[in-house]
Amino acid sequence: MSVFVARQAILNRNQNVAAYELLFRDSPENCFPGVSDGQATARLIMENQLNLGTRHITSGKKALINIGPESLK
């Protein structure tokens, strides 16, 4: 199964990229998968930290991931 990670730039007040928000996708069509936010977050963390690393995806910028309350339990 393929995993796709989308990144969205987060800009600072000078309009420079300060970080990227990483988003899990299950197809190249950029559709949100039919899984819960918690499942998507867990999969994103697992795939990026264990397999890919975030430096390659974020060009060395900070990587931010939205985490819902259920993921913090």
Protein backbone atom coordinates (compact mmCIF):
# COMPACT_ATOMS: atom_id res chain seq x y z
CA MET A 1 0.00 0.00 0.00
CA SER A 2 1.30 3.44 -0.90
CA VAL A 3 1.34 6.35 1.48
CA PHE A 4 1.29 9.96 0.34
CA VAL A 5 2.18 12.93 2.50
CA ALA A 6 1.02 16.41 1.58
CA ARG A 7 2.75 19.43 3.01
CA GLN A 8 1.30 22.88 3.48
CA ALA A 9 3.60 25.83 4.08
CA ILE A 10 3.20 27.86 7.25
CA LEU A 11 4.48 31.37 6.68
CA ASN A 12 5.93 33.84 9.14
CA ARG A 13 5.03 37.53 9.19
CA ASN A 14 7.56 38.19 6.41
CA GLN A 15 5.86 35.62 4.16
CA ASN A 16 8.82 33.22 4.41
CA VAL A 17 8.26 29.51 5.03
CA ALA A 18 8.75 28.89 8.75
CA ALA A 19 7.45 25.31 8.85
CA TYR A 20 5.27 22.79 7.04
CA GLU A 21 2.10 21.11 8.22
CA LEU A 22 2.21 17.45 7.19
CA LEU A 23 -1.03 15.78 6.08
CA PHE A 24 -1.68 12.10 5.40
CA ARG A 25 -3.24 11.10 2.10
CA ASP A 26 -3.96 7.62 0.80
CA SER A 27 -3.88 8.41 -2.92
CA PRO A 28 -2.23 10.85 -5.30
CA GLU A 29 -5.64 12.50 -5.91
CA ASN A 30 -5.11 14.42 -2.65
CA CYS A 31 -8.27 13.07 -1.00
CA PHE A 32 -8.58 12.75 2.75
CA PRO A 33 -8.78 9.04 3.57
CA GLY A 34 -11.80 7.39 5.12
CA VAL A 35 -10.09 7.03 8.49
CA SER A 36 -10.35 8.96 11.73
CA ASP A 37 -8.09 11.92 12.49
CA GLY A 38 -6.33 9.82 15.12
CA GLN A 39 -5.64 7.00 12.68
CA ALA A 40 -4.35 9.43 10.06
CA THR A 41 -2.08 11.15 12.59
CA ALA A 42 -0.70 7.88 13.92
CA ARG A 43 0.00 6.62 10.42
CA LEU A 44 1.64 9.89 9.39
CA ILE A 45 3.95 9.82 12.40
CA MET A 46 4.81 6.16 11.89
CA GLU A 47 5.50 6.46 8.16
CA ASN A 48 7.54 9.65 8.43
CA GLN A 49 9.53 9.02 11.56
CA LEU A 50 10.22 5.34 11.07
CA ASN A 51 10.60 5.16 7.30
CA LEU A 52 11.17 8.53 5.65
CA GLY A 53 12.28 11.10 8.20
CA THR A 54 10.89 14.60 7.99
CA ARG A 55 13.97 16.51 6.79
CA HIS A 56 13.52 15.23 3.24
CA ILE A 57 9.86 16.26 3.15
CA THR A 58 10.27 19.66 4.82
CA SER A 59 13.63 20.70 3.34
CA GLY A 60 14.99 21.02 6.87
CA LYS A 61 12.13 23.24 8.12
CA LYS A 62 10.05 22.37 11.19
CA ALA A 63 7.35 19.74 10.67
CA LEU A 64 3.98 20.28 12.36
CA ILE A 65 1.25 17.67 12.66
CA ASN A 66 -2.30 18.31 13.88
CA ILE A 67 -3.11 16.02 16.78
CA GLY A 68 -6.64 15.63 18.06
CA PRO A 69 -7.53 14.99 21.71
CA GLU A 70 -8.00 11.25 21.10
CA SER A 71 -4.37 10.96 19.97
CA LEU A 72 -3.09 12.50 23.20
CA LYS A 73 -4.66 9.88 25.47
